[in-house]
Amino acid sequence: MDAMDRFGQELVLAGRRRHAGRRPLPALFGTRFARTSPRRRASAHVRIALLVLALVLATAAITLAATGVILTGSPVGTVRAPIATAGEGIPVAGGARLLPLRAPDPAGGLPWGMRIIHTTRGLICVQIGRVHDGQLGQLGVDGAFHKDGRFHQLPTDALPDVLANAAGWMAGNCASPGGIYAGDSVGLQLSAATSPRQGAGVPADRREISFGLLGVHSVSVTYREGSKTRNQRVLPGLGAYLIVQRYRSGRPLGSASESDGRDEPGNYSSPAGPNGALTAITYSYAGRACVDRGNLRLASCGLSEVPPPRPAALPIVREPLHAHLHIHNHVITSAQISFHAPYPVTNADENYSVTAPVCRRGLAGEGSRADVARGALVTIPVGGVLSEACGRAVKFTVEYVSFAGGLPHPTPLGSITIHEPPGTHPAPLPRRVVEQQRRSNPTRSLHATIHLTLLPQPRAACNAAFLLYPCYKGEVAFTAPYAVASAAAGYSIDGFATCKAGGRPETSWRLQRNVRAHETLRTTSLGLFVLTPSCASNEGFEVTYLNQRGPSAGAPHESVIVGTVTLSKATLPNGQSPKPPAG
């Protein structure tokens, strides 16, 4: 039997398998990829065979439209080798699990699914993709994998950060045990592999993905679906959920966001608020249900209003610190600070950090991102910090930092001052870094009018934040000078406080949506603060338009400060002047 005879026999066998549970092509890729109608598929076997033979020989396609067979392509590759003891680590043996969650795609075809991966550095990572025959993967459509039409399995032995088609932040989100979150990604295409720039790709193929791990106390999520509101139970234990919708919100394509919380034992949990398509999350604590609609007070769930207890303090060790400079032609080409580790680093929630004051951003620093044995030599590069320093002597502070309950707990090791030798200077920062800093920290201001309204908070909320009563959130209102239609640009609101005795409104947030030029915007701060009259002129909020990628057709304006407002200009919602704390 020659090759052509064998091929014909395979066609006959494939045609028989068609009625044995194999799904037709539209069920795999969705209605957009249905190449033939049912009537045409019901035509003569000879016509089907000739059509399939032509497709195989002429285009090397891997689908047989008459039989519904889909063949897989090569697994998704990696761009670098992961390291078990650095970064996010690597998956532990048997640590990858495809969850039973299945979210239908709006266009049909393969459902979406979620996988969790436990790593060697103590993290729990999430991967999202399309599911075929119990495997998580990506599709060769819409520009991915050269549009080969195949299903490409995501490997279980590689984390999202090393994949060739990582699809940005959406490919995987990692958290520490006890960390919970409600995540959101806007603009992923139905390939589950690419999130192209504004204006690229097919708009109908854009997806808004809402997903998360909400912990053992979560019960269900409520979300928007067009004009309707739906309720969906989460996966027990993990609190996992996955919602896939068409892109209709108008939020910047390529944007991502999340709201964080903690799932600690006892009464120290901190629920994650709704995000993305979610409008509410229902939790249950000790049999008592509570619904978080984005303004949850911890007391409403019977939770403690104080943070979890701090871990026992480590003994202070004054470790000798050493600085090393490499100089070539009077240029400090690199600089490092080294010391022997007094404490081991065994997971991603522990590290050594080095910080120093710099001119434009307050503090800058570097840190270790790898496991370290007790007594091992740690070397941290600080050349970039020297390049940003204001003077020729820079004082560096070295700390061991561990995270517990989601909060950092630093243990100081000591400090060291690096003096630039006479006649030398640090290597200038790369132009791309300078440009990025300029776009992230503009100095030019439009001096536009910014309005600030102080929103009084309940006494329990002030107590939970360790603030005197009354305390406030700030509602910032302004007219947008420029439109926002891309994730590369947007408006940022940053609190500032230069008075050490004040209420410290040092909260920052960003508007995660499209904006029309000259639209009036109102947005509320995330954090709480108090009003100290003597500091009111030195505390407030700064509104900035940030264009991280520089001028383009979709975002033609450079980054600029829109304007600032101090607490001395603030009013209450009724127009009256706010009151300072009583004590």
Protein backbone atom coordinates (compact mmCIF):
# COMPACT_ATOMS: atom_id res chain seq x y z
CA MET A 1 0.00 0.00 0.00
CA ASP A 2 1.55 3.30 -1.07
CA ALA A 3 1.37 6.63 0.77
CA MET A 4 -1.68 7.86 -1.17
CA ASP A 5 -3.61 4.66 -0.42
CA ARG A 6 -2.76 4.95 3.27
CA PHE A 7 -3.92 8.57 3.24
CA GLY A 8 -7.22 7.57 1.64
CA GLN A 9 -7.73 4.88 4.25
CA GLU A 10 -7.06 7.38 7.01
CA LEU A 11 -9.74 9.66 5.54
CA VAL A 12 -12.28 6.87 5.67
CA LEU A 13 -11.37 6.05 9.28
CA ALA A 14 -11.51 9.72 10.22
CA GLY A 15 -14.96 10.00 8.66
CA ARG A 16 -16.17 7.13 10.81
CA ARG A 17 -14.69 8.70 13.93
CA ARG A 18 -16.69 11.83 13.23
CA HIS A 19 -19.82 10.29 14.77
CA ALA A 20 -17.98 8.90 17.78
CA GLY A 21 -17.90 12.07 19.86
CA ARG A 22 -15.37 14.20 17.97
CA ARG A 23 -16.32 17.86 17.90
CA PRO A 24 -16.67 19.75 14.60
CA LEU A 25 -14.35 22.62 13.78
CA PRO A 26 -16.64 25.43 15.05
CA ALA A 27 -16.69 23.75 18.46
CA LEU A 28 -12.91 24.04 18.64
CA PHE A 29 -12.24 27.55 17.37
CA GLY A 30 -15.64 29.25 17.44
CA THR A 31 -18.06 30.40 14.79
CA ARG A 32 -15.60 32.82 13.25
CA PHE A 33 -13.46 29.88 12.15
CA ALA A 34 -16.23 27.69 10.70
CA ARG A 35 -14.97 27.24 7.15
CA THR A 36 -17.76 25.02 5.80
CA SER A 37 -21.50 24.80 6.37
CA PRO A 38 -23.25 21.64 7.60
CA ARG A 39 -24.89 21.22 4.16
CA ARG A 40 -21.53 21.28 2.41
CA ARG A 41 -20.10 18.88 4.98
CA ALA A 42 -22.95 16.52 4.18
CA SER A 43 -21.98 16.34 0.49
CA ALA A 44 -20.38 13.38 -1.22
CA HIS A 45 -17.44 11.65 0.49
CA VAL A 46 -15.34 12.04 -2.64
CA ARG A 47 -15.75 15.83 -2.61
CA ILE A 48 -14.82 15.88 1.08
CA ALA A 49 -11.77 13.74 0.50
CA LEU A 50 -10.57 15.86 -2.41
CA LEU A 51 -11.11 19.05 -0.46
CA VAL A 52 -9.21 17.77 2.56
CA LEU A 53 -6.45 16.34 0.43
CA ALA A 54 -6.02 19.70 -1.31
CA LEU A 55 -5.87 21.51 2.01
CA VAL A 56 -3.32 19.09 3.41
CA LEU A 57 -1.08 19.16 0.39
CA ALA A 58 -1.40 22.84 -0.50
CA THR A 59 -1.51 24.57 2.85
CA ALA A 60 -0.37 21.95 5.39
CA ALA A 61 -3.48 22.77 7.44
CA ILE A 62 -3.98 20.60 10.48
CA THR A 63 -7.76 20.48 10.63
CA LEU A 64 -10.00 18.14 8.70
CA ALA A 65 -13.24 20.05 8.33
CA ALA A 66 -15.18 16.94 7.37
CA THR A 67 -14.17 15.02 10.48
CA GLY A 68 -13.71 17.65 13.17
CA VAL A 69 -10.21 16.39 13.93
CA ILE A 70 -7.81 18.98 15.36
CA LEU A 71 -4.11 18.27 15.57
CA THR A 72 -1.81 19.95 18.04
CA GLY A 73 1.23 22.01 17.28
CA SER A 74 4.44 22.19 19.22
CA PRO A 75 4.16 23.20 22.89
CA VAL A 76 4.63 26.86 23.76
CA GLY A 77 8.37 27.47 24.02
CA THR A 78 10.42 29.31 26.61
CA VAL A 79 12.69 32.32 26.16
CA ARG A 80 15.08 31.50 28.99
CA ALA A 81 15.81 28.74 31.43
CA PRO A 82 14.07 29.17 34.80
CA ILE A 83 16.08 28.85 38.01
CA ALA A 84 14.65 26.97 40.97
CA THR A 85 16.23 29.28 43.58
CA ALA A 86 15.74 32.68 41.91
CA GLY A 87 12.88 34.92 40.85
CA GLU A 88 9.58 33.06 40.95
CA GLY A 89 11.39 29.72 40.91
CA ILE A 90 10.17 26.70 38.97
CA PRO A 91 7.08 24.50 39.41
CA VAL A 92 7.49 21.92 42.15
CA ALA A 93 7.02 18.31 41.13
CA GLY A 94 3.30 17.67 40.78
CA GLY A 95 2.58 21.31 41.65
CA ALA A 96 0.61 22.19 38.50
CA ARG A 97 -3.15 21.58 38.54
CA LEU A 98 -5.76 22.43 35.92
CA LEU A 99 -8.82 23.62 37.82
CA PRO A 100 -12.30 22.39 36.81
CA LEU A 101 -13.34 25.97 35.97
CA ARG A 102 -14.47 26.43 32.35
CA ALA A 103 -15.51 29.79 30.97
CA PRO A 104 -17.17 29.76 27.52
CA ASP A 105 -15.81 32.09 24.88
CA PRO A 106 -18.41 34.59 23.58
CA ALA A 107 -17.77 33.34 20.02
CA GLY A 108 -17.89 29.68 20.98
CA GLY A 109 -15.11 27.19 20.42
CA LEU A 110 -12.74 25.88 23.04
CA PRO A 111 -13.54 27.04 26.57
CA TRP A 112 -11.13 29.02 28.71
CA GLY A 113 -9.56 27.49 31.79
CA MET A 114 -7.24 28.25 34.68
CA ARG A 115 -4.26 26.38 36.10
CA ILE A 116 -2.51 26.98 39.42
CA ILE A 117 1.19 26.25 39.88
CA HIS A 118 3.08 25.94 43.17
CA THR A 119 6.70 27.05 42.81
CA THR A 120 9.98 26.23 44.49
CA ARG A 121 10.09 29.75 45.95
CA GLY A 122 6.80 29.41 47.81
CA LEU A 123 4.53 31.20 45.33
CA ILE A 124 1.18 30.22 43.87
CA CYS A 125 0.93 31.26 40.22
CA VAL A 126 -2.07 31.30 37.89
CA GLN A 127 -2.10 30.56 34.15
CA ILE A 128 -5.06 31.16 31.86
CA GLY A 129 -5.63 29.78 28.37
CA ARG A 130 -7.92 27.70 26.16
CA VAL A 131 -8.66 24.08 27.10
CA HIS A 132 -8.59 21.13 24.70
CA ASP A 133 -8.74 17.48 25.75
CA GLY A 134 -7.84 18.34 29.34
CA GLN A 135 -4.83 20.46 28.37
CA LEU A 136 -4.31 24.21 28.80
CA GLY A 137 -2.91 25.99 25.77
CA GLN A 138 -3.03 28.72 23.15
CA LEU A 139 -4.41 28.83 19.62
CA GLY A 140 -2.61 29.62 16.39
CA VAL A 141 -5.03 32.33 15.29
CA ASP A 142 -5.02 36.14 15.07
CA GLY A 143 -1.30 36.36 14.44
CA ALA A 144 -0.17 33.89 17.11
CA PHE A 145 2.09 31.00 16.05
CA HIS A 146 2.11 32.26 12.45
CA LYS A 147 -1.66 31.62 12.29
CA ASP A 148 -1.09 27.89 11.90
CA GLY A 149 -4.53 27.01 13.28
CA ARG A 150 -3.11 24.54 15.78
CA PHE A 151 -3.60 24.09 19.51
CA HIS A 152 -0.33 24.71 21.38
CA GLN A 153 -0.08 23.22 24.85
CA LEU A 154 1.30 25.34 27.68
CA PRO A 155 4.06 23.33 29.40
CA THR A 156 3.47 22.36 33.00
CA ASP A 157 7.17 22.62 33.87
CA ALA A 158 7.63 26.31 33.02
CA LEU A 159 6.24 29.39 34.74
CA PRO A 160 4.49 32.11 32.74
CA ASP A 161 7.38 34.57 33.07
CA VAL A 162 9.67 32.43 30.89
CA LEU A 163 7.17 31.53 28.14
CA ALA A 164 7.71 32.73 24.59
CA ASN A 165 4.06 33.81 24.30
CA ALA A 166 3.57 35.23 27.77
CA ALA A 167 0.72 37.57 26.75
CA GLY A 168 1.98 40.06 29.30
CA TRP A 169 0.67 40.12 32.85
CA MET A 170 -2.32 38.03 31.83
CA ALA A 171 -0.25 34.88 31.30
CA GLY A 172 0.27 34.39 34.99
CA ASN A 173 -0.15 36.12 38.30
CA CYS A 174 1.85 34.94 41.31
CA ALA A 175 1.04 35.49 44.96
CA SER A 176 2.32 34.31 48.31
CA PRO A 177 0.32 31.77 50.32
CA GLY A 178 -2.44 33.65 52.08
CA GLY A 179 -2.49 36.36 49.43
CA ILE A 180 -5.80 36.73 47.61
CA TYR A 181 -6.77 38.97 44.72
CA ALA A 182 -9.37 39.87 42.10
CA GLY A 183 -7.53 40.36 38.79
CA ASP A 184 -8.52 41.87 35.48
CA SER A 185 -6.92 42.02 32.03
CA VAL A 186 -8.25 43.94 29.04
CA GLY A 187 -7.49 43.18 25.39
CA LEU A 188 -6.34 39.55 25.28
CA GLN A 189 -7.23 37.97 21.95
CA LEU A 190 -9.04 34.68 21.55
CA SER A 191 -5.72 32.97 20.84
CA ALA A 192 -4.98 33.44 24.59
CA ALA A 193 -1.43 34.24 23.45
CA THR A 194 -1.38 37.88 22.35
CA SER A 195 -2.63 41.25 23.54
CA PRO A 196 -1.72 43.52 20.61
CA ARG A 197 -1.46 47.27 20.67
CA GLN A 198 -4.34 49.67 20.13
CA GLY A 199 -5.72 49.42 16.59
CA ALA A 200 -4.16 46.02 15.83
CA GLY A 201 -6.00 42.75 15.50
CA VAL A 202 -9.72 42.13 15.10
CA PRO A 203 -11.83 44.11 17.64
CA ALA A 204 -14.40 41.30 17.89
CA ASP A 205 -11.65 38.97 19.10
CA ARG A 206 -10.67 41.12 22.08
CA ARG A 207 -11.51 39.71 25.48
CA GLU A 208 -11.86 41.10 28.97
CA ILE A 209 -10.75 38.49 31.49
CA SER A 210 -11.78 38.73 35.14
CA PHE A 211 -10.14 36.10 37.33
CA GLY A 212 -8.84 35.59 40.82
CA LEU A 213 -8.16 33.55 43.91
CA LEU A 214 -10.36 34.85 46.73
CA GLY A 215 -9.50 32.34 49.46
CA VAL A 216 -11.37 29.92 51.69
CA HIS A 217 -13.86 32.48 53.00
CA SER A 218 -15.22 33.49 49.58
CA VAL A 219 -18.59 32.13 48.49
CA SER A 220 -19.60 33.79 45.20
CA VAL A 221 -19.01 36.72 42.87
CA THR A 222 -21.52 39.05 41.23
CA TYR A 223 -20.58 40.53 37.88
CA ARG A 224 -21.88 42.61 34.99
CA GLU A 225 -22.73 40.94 31.69
CA GLY A 226 -23.96 43.65 29.34
CA SER A 227 -27.06 45.16 30.95
CA LYS A 228 -27.55 42.13 33.19
CA THR A 229 -26.09 41.17 36.55
CA ARG A 230 -25.15 37.55 37.20
CA ASN A 231 -24.02 35.58 40.22
CA GLN A 232 -21.47 32.76 40.13
CA ARG A 233 -20.15 30.55 42.92
CA VAL A 234 -16.39 30.37 43.30
CA LEU A 235 -14.38 27.16 43.46
CA PRO A 236 -14.42 26.10 47.14
CA GLY A 237 -11.14 26.28 49.02
CA LEU A 238 -9.25 28.43 46.53
CA GLY A 239 -12.05 30.86 45.82
CA ALA A 240 -11.10 30.68 42.14
CA TYR A 241 -13.29 32.20 39.44
CA LEU A 242 -12.91 32.97 35.71
CA ILE A 243 -15.10 35.21 33.56
CA VAL A 244 -14.46 35.83 29.84
CA GLN A 245 -16.34 38.63 28.04
CA ARG A 246 -16.15 40.60 24.83
CA TYR A 247 -14.29 43.90 24.99
CA ARG A 248 -17.05 46.44 25.59
CA SER A 249 -16.03 48.42 28.67
CA GLY A 250 -13.97 51.04 26.83
CA ARG A 251 -11.08 50.60 29.26
CA PRO A 252 -7.59 50.96 27.75
CA LEU A 253 -6.56 47.91 25.76
CA GLY A 254 -3.62 46.11 27.31
CA SER A 255 -4.39 47.40 30.79
CA ALA A 256 -4.37 45.17 33.86
CA SER A 257 -5.35 45.69 37.47
CA GLU A 258 -6.04 43.81 40.67
CA SER A 259 -7.36 44.35 44.18
CA ASP A 260 -5.43 42.54 46.89
CA GLY A 261 -6.29 41.03 50.25
CA ARG A 262 -5.15 38.44 52.77
CA ASP A 263 -6.65 35.13 53.85
CA GLU A 264 -5.07 34.74 57.24
CA PRO A 265 -6.10 32.42 60.09
CA GLY A 266 -8.23 33.75 62.93
CA ASN A 267 -9.70 37.21 62.64
CA TYR A 268 -6.91 38.75 60.60
CA SER A 269 -8.25 38.25 57.08
CA SER A 270 -8.51 41.25 54.78
CA PRO A 271 -11.05 40.59 52.00
CA ALA A 272 -10.15 41.53 48.43
CA GLY A 273 -12.62 43.96 46.89
CA PRO A 274 -14.39 43.53 43.54
CA ASN A 275 -12.42 44.39 40.39
CA GLY A 276 -12.87 44.09 36.63
CA ALA A 277 -16.37 42.89 35.76
CA LEU A 278 -17.14 42.13 39.42
CA THR A 279 -19.61 44.31 41.27
CA ALA A 280 -19.63 42.37 44.54
CA ILE A 281 -17.97 39.46 46.36
CA THR A 282 -19.75 37.44 49.04
CA TYR A 283 -17.64 36.11 51.91
CA SER A 284 -18.53 33.97 54.91
CA TYR A 285 -16.71 34.26 58.23
CA ALA A 286 -17.72 31.91 61.07
CA GLY A 287 -21.04 31.29 59.36
CA ARG A 288 -21.74 34.99 58.92
CA ALA A 289 -22.13 36.21 55.34
CA CYS A 290 -21.07 39.67 54.23
CA VAL A 291 -21.02 41.29 50.80
CA ASP A 292 -18.13 43.47 49.65
CA ARG A 293 -19.24 45.96 47.02
CA GLY A 294 -15.97 47.87 47.07
CA ASN A 295 -16.55 49.77 50.30
CA LEU A 296 -16.28 46.93 52.83
CA ARG A 297 -15.50 47.78 56.43
CA LEU A 298 -13.73 44.95 58.21
CA ALA A 299 -16.13 45.20 61.14
CA SER A 300 -19.06 44.29 58.87
CA CYS A 301 -17.65 40.77 58.60
CA GLY A 302 -16.87 40.48 62.29
CA LEU A 303 -13.16 40.76 61.58
CA SER A 304 -10.51 42.33 63.71
CA GLU A 305 -9.91 46.04 63.18
CA VAL A 306 -6.20 45.71 63.91
CA PRO A 307 -3.54 44.17 61.67
CA PRO A 308 -2.25 40.65 62.41
CA PRO A 309 0.45 40.38 65.07
CA ARG A 310 3.96 41.10 63.91
CA PRO A 311 6.37 38.19 63.78
CA ALA A 312 9.02 38.01 66.45
CA ALA A 313 11.82 40.47 65.79
CA LEU A 314 15.07 39.01 64.55
CA PRO A 315 18.24 39.67 66.52
CA ILE A 316 20.04 42.70 65.15
CA VAL A 317 23.29 41.71 63.46
CA ARG A 318 25.74 44.41 62.46
CA GLU A 319 27.24 42.77 59.43
CA PRO A 320 30.37 44.37 57.89
CA LEU A 321 29.50 45.96 54.56
CA HIS A 322 31.94 46.38 51.70
CA ALA A 323 31.75 48.60 48.61
CA HIS A 324 33.47 47.76 45.32
CA LEU A 325 33.91 50.25 42.46
CA HIS A 326 35.04 49.40 38.95
CA ILE A 327 36.58 52.41 37.18
CA HIS A 328 37.64 52.71 33.56
CA ASN A 329 38.89 55.97 32.01
CA HIS A 330 37.65 57.93 35.05
CA VAL A 331 34.14 56.44 34.69
CA ILE A 332 32.61 54.31 37.45
CA THR A 333 31.38 51.53 35.21
CA SER A 334 29.82 49.48 38.02
CA ALA A 335 29.49 49.42 41.80
CA GLN A 336 28.48 46.69 44.24
CA ILE A 337 27.83 46.34 47.94
CA SER A 338 28.68 42.93 49.41
CA PHE A 339 28.25 41.27 52.80
CA HIS A 340 27.75 37.84 54.32
CA ALA A 341 24.10 36.94 54.90
CA PRO A 342 23.25 36.78 58.62
CA TYR A 343 19.83 35.28 57.81
CA PRO A 344 18.95 32.73 55.13
CA VAL A 345 16.61 33.57 52.23
CA THR A 346 14.45 30.55 51.40
CA ASN A 347 11.50 31.92 49.41
CA ALA A 348 10.17 34.89 47.43
CA ASP A 349 8.84 36.58 50.58
CA GLU A 350 12.39 37.19 51.87
CA ASN A 351 15.18 39.29 50.41
CA TYR A 352 18.04 41.68 51.10
CA SER A 353 17.54 45.26 49.96
CA VAL A 354 19.84 48.26 49.51
CA THR A 355 18.37 51.77 49.32
CA ALA A 356 19.74 55.31 49.08
CA PRO A 357 18.27 58.80 48.56
CA VAL A 358 18.33 60.11 44.99
CA CYS A 359 17.41 63.45 43.48
CA ARG A 360 14.11 62.94 41.70
CA ARG A 361 12.39 59.94 43.27
CA GLY A 362 13.18 60.07 46.98
CA LEU A 363 14.67 56.60 47.39
CA ALA A 364 16.11 54.15 44.94
CA GLY A 365 17.55 50.74 45.48
CA GLU A 366 18.24 47.20 44.46
CA GLY A 367 17.60 43.85 46.07
CA SER A 368 18.34 40.16 45.94
CA ARG A 369 15.88 37.90 44.10
CA ALA A 370 17.40 34.53 44.89
CA ASP A 371 17.73 32.10 47.78
CA VAL A 372 20.74 32.70 50.01
CA ALA A 373 22.28 30.37 52.58
CA ARG A 374 23.20 31.73 55.99
CA GLY A 375 26.75 33.06 55.83
CA ALA A 376 26.85 33.11 52.03
CA LEU A 377 28.26 36.14 50.25
CA VAL A 378 25.58 38.51 48.91
CA THR A 379 26.53 41.02 46.21
CA ILE A 380 24.02 43.67 45.12
CA PRO A 381 24.75 46.10 42.25
CA VAL A 382 24.21 49.79 43.02
CA GLY A 383 25.77 51.51 40.01
CA GLY A 384 22.40 52.75 38.77
CA VAL A 385 21.71 54.36 42.13
CA LEU A 386 25.03 56.24 41.98
CA SER A 387 24.05 57.56 38.54
CA GLU A 388 20.89 59.09 40.03
CA ALA A 389 22.50 60.55 43.16
CA CYS A 390 22.64 64.29 43.78
CA GLY A 391 26.10 64.40 45.35
CA ARG A 392 29.44 62.66 45.27
CA ALA A 393 28.82 60.82 48.55
CA VAL A 394 25.87 58.43 48.78
CA LYS A 395 24.77 56.70 51.98
CA PHE A 396 23.28 53.21 51.41
CA THR A 397 21.11 51.38 53.95
CA VAL A 398 21.10 47.58 53.90
CA GLU A 399 18.17 45.59 55.30
CA TYR A 400 16.87 42.05 55.46
CA VAL A 401 13.15 42.20 54.59
CA SER A 402 10.58 39.49 55.22
CA PHE A 403 6.87 39.73 54.44
CA ALA A 404 4.21 38.50 56.85
CA GLY A 405 0.51 39.17 56.51
CA GLY A 406 1.31 41.01 53.29
CA LEU A 407 3.34 43.62 55.19
CA PRO A 408 7.13 44.12 55.00
CA HIS A 409 9.14 43.62 58.19
CA PRO A 410 12.65 45.04 57.72
CA THR A 411 15.62 44.18 59.90
CA PRO A 412 18.52 46.64 59.49
CA LEU A 413 22.01 45.31 58.86
CA GLY A 414 23.81 48.64 58.71
CA SER A 415 24.78 51.41 56.33
CA ILE A 416 27.75 52.34 54.19
CA THR A 417 28.68 55.53 52.35
CA ILE A 418 30.25 55.36 48.91
CA HIS A 419 32.48 58.32 48.02
CA GLU A 420 33.22 58.90 44.38
CA PRO A 421 37.02 59.09 43.97
CA PRO A 422 38.32 62.49 42.81
CA GLY A 423 38.32 62.86 39.06
CA THR A 424 35.71 60.14 38.48
CA HIS A 425 32.00 60.16 37.77
CA PRO A 426 29.30 57.46 37.49
CA ALA A 427 28.36 56.11 34.08
CA PRO A 428 25.31 57.97 32.77
CA LEU A 429 22.04 56.10 32.77
CA PRO A 430 21.02 54.59 29.41
CA ARG A 431 18.98 56.96 27.29
CA ARG A 432 15.97 54.67 27.39
CA VAL A 433 16.05 54.72 31.20
CA VAL A 434 16.32 58.51 31.26
CA GLU A 435 13.41 58.78 28.83
CA GLN A 436 11.31 56.41 30.90
CA GLN A 437 12.03 58.36 34.08
CA ARG A 438 11.20 61.64 32.35
CA ARG A 439 7.88 60.21 31.18
CA SER A 440 7.14 58.79 34.63
CA ASN A 441 8.19 61.92 36.56
CA PRO A 442 7.33 65.02 34.49
CA THR A 443 8.29 68.44 35.82
CA ARG A 444 6.26 70.69 33.49
CA SER A 445 2.82 71.64 34.83
CA LEU A 446 -0.36 72.92 33.16
CA HIS A 447 -1.37 74.48 36.51
CA ALA A 448 -4.96 73.41 35.91
CA THR A 449 -7.55 73.78 38.68
CA ILE A 450 -7.97 70.67 40.83
CA HIS A 451 -10.90 70.39 43.26
CA LEU A 452 -10.65 68.39 46.48
CA THR A 453 -13.57 67.23 48.61
CA LEU A 454 -12.90 65.44 51.90
CA LEU A 455 -15.22 62.49 52.51
CA PRO A 456 -15.66 61.74 56.25
CA GLN A 457 -15.14 58.07 57.13
CA PRO A 458 -16.81 56.03 59.93
CA ARG A 459 -15.09 55.99 63.29
CA ALA A 460 -14.46 52.22 62.96
CA ALA A 461 -12.62 52.77 59.68
CA CYS A 462 -10.42 55.43 61.28
CA ASN A 463 -9.65 53.09 64.18
CA ALA A 464 -8.79 50.25 61.79
CA ALA A 465 -6.30 52.53 60.03
CA PHE A 466 -4.85 53.71 63.40
CA LEU A 467 -6.02 57.27 62.68
CA LEU A 468 -7.70 59.80 64.93
CA TYR A 469 -11.34 60.64 64.27
CA PRO A 470 -12.48 62.29 62.06
CA CYS A 471 -10.48 60.88 59.17
CA TYR A 472 -11.14 61.27 55.46
CA LYS A 473 -10.80 60.01 51.95
CA GLY A 474 -10.12 62.58 49.25
CA GLU A 475 -12.35 63.01 46.18
CA VAL A 476 -10.27 64.64 43.46
CA ALA A 477 -12.07 66.33 40.55
CA PHE A 478 -10.51 67.87 37.42
CA THR A 479 -11.05 68.41 33.71
CA ALA A 480 -8.98 66.04 31.58
CA PRO A 481 -6.81 68.05 29.15
CA TYR A 482 -6.19 65.03 26.89
CA ALA A 483 -8.08 61.96 25.78
CA VAL A 484 -7.00 58.47 26.87
CA ALA A 485 -7.61 55.53 24.52
CA SER A 486 -4.58 53.33 25.17
CA ALA A 487 -3.05 51.57 28.15
CA ALA A 488 0.21 53.40 27.39
CA ALA A 489 -1.28 56.68 28.65
CA GLY A 490 -3.49 57.64 31.56
CA TYR A 491 -4.08 59.85 34.56
CA SER A 492 -2.35 59.24 37.89
CA ILE A 493 -3.22 60.83 41.22
CA ASP A 494 -0.48 60.94 43.85
CA GLY A 495 -0.74 62.13 47.42
CA PHE A 496 2.11 64.18 48.84
CA ALA A 497 3.02 65.08 52.42
CA THR A 498 6.10 67.13 53.26
CA CYS A 499 5.00 67.89 56.82
CA LYS A 500 6.18 65.27 59.32
CA ALA A 501 3.41 66.05 61.82
CA GLY A 502 0.51 65.79 59.39
CA GLY A 503 -2.02 63.16 58.40
CA ARG A 504 0.13 61.79 55.56
CA PRO A 505 -2.24 61.48 52.54
CA GLU A 506 0.42 59.44 50.72
CA THR A 507 -1.95 57.32 48.67
CA SER A 508 -1.56 56.96 44.92
CA TRP A 509 -3.79 55.45 42.26
CA ARG A 510 -4.42 55.50 38.52
CA LEU A 511 -7.58 55.80 36.46
CA GLN A 512 -8.01 52.51 34.57
CA ARG A 513 -10.38 53.55 31.78
CA ASN A 514 -10.67 55.50 28.56
CA VAL A 515 -11.21 59.24 28.92
CA ARG A 516 -12.58 61.89 26.54
CA ALA A 517 -10.68 65.13 26.10
CA HIS A 518 -12.10 67.84 28.41
CA GLU A 519 -14.17 65.26 30.33
CA THR A 520 -14.81 66.10 33.99
CA LEU A 521 -13.36 63.35 36.16
CA ARG A 522 -14.02 62.50 39.80
CA THR A 523 -12.02 59.86 41.61
CA THR A 524 -11.57 58.91 45.26
CA SER A 525 -8.38 58.08 47.12
CA LEU A 526 -7.67 54.55 48.27
CA GLY A 527 -6.14 55.47 51.61
CA LEU A 528 -7.38 57.44 54.61
CA PHE A 529 -5.79 60.43 56.32
CA VAL A 530 -6.50 63.11 58.92
CA LEU A 531 -6.46 66.88 58.60
CA THR A 532 -3.73 68.74 60.51
CA PRO A 533 -4.31 72.50 60.05
CA SER A 534 -0.64 73.40 60.52
CA CYS A 535 0.28 71.03 57.66
CA ALA A 536 -2.69 71.58 55.35
CA SER A 537 -0.69 73.77 52.95
CA ASN A 538 2.02 71.12 52.59
CA GLU A 539 -0.20 68.09 52.01
CA GLY A 540 -2.49 67.27 49.12
CA PHE A 541 -2.76 65.59 45.74
CA GLU A 542 -1.02 65.94 42.39
CA VAL A 543 -2.74 64.93 39.14
CA THR A 544 -0.44 63.79 36.33
CA TYR A 545 -1.02 62.75 32.72
CA LEU A 546 1.48 59.96 32.01
CA ASN A 547 2.42 58.80 28.51
CA GLN A 548 4.84 55.97 29.24
CA ARG A 549 5.73 55.21 25.61
CA GLY A 550 6.09 58.73 24.30
CA PRO A 551 3.97 60.57 21.70
CA SER A 552 2.19 58.42 19.13
CA ALA A 553 -0.85 58.65 16.88
CA GLY A 554 -3.09 57.31 19.64
CA ALA A 555 -1.45 59.37 22.42
CA PRO A 556 0.18 62.49 20.91
CA HIS A 557 0.95 64.34 24.16
CA GLU A 558 3.98 64.14 26.42
CA SER A 559 3.67 63.39 30.14
CA VAL A 560 2.77 66.50 32.14
CA ILE A 561 1.57 67.53 35.59
CA VAL A 562 -2.06 68.59 35.23
CA GLY A 563 -2.18 70.42 38.55
CA THR A 564 -2.01 70.14 42.35
CA VAL A 565 -4.35 70.84 45.24
CA THR A 566 -3.54 71.07 48.95
CA LEU A 567 -5.72 70.13 51.92
CA SER A 568 -6.00 73.84 52.73
CA LYS A 569 -8.23 74.19 49.64
CA ALA A 570 -10.47 71.23 50.49
CA THR A 571 -14.14 71.36 51.49
CA LEU A 572 -16.65 68.86 52.82
CA PRO A 573 -19.45 67.56 50.53
CA ASN A 574 -21.78 70.21 52.01
CA GLY A 575 -19.31 72.97 51.13
CA GLN A 576 -18.23 73.60 54.71
CA SER A 577 -14.65 73.49 55.98
CA PRO A 578 -13.42 70.11 57.30
CA LYS A 579 -12.62 69.62 60.97
CA PRO A 580 -9.30 68.42 62.39
CA PRO A 581 -9.17 65.50 64.87
CA ALA A 582 -10.43 66.23 68.37
CA GLY A 583 -7.40 64.79 70.12
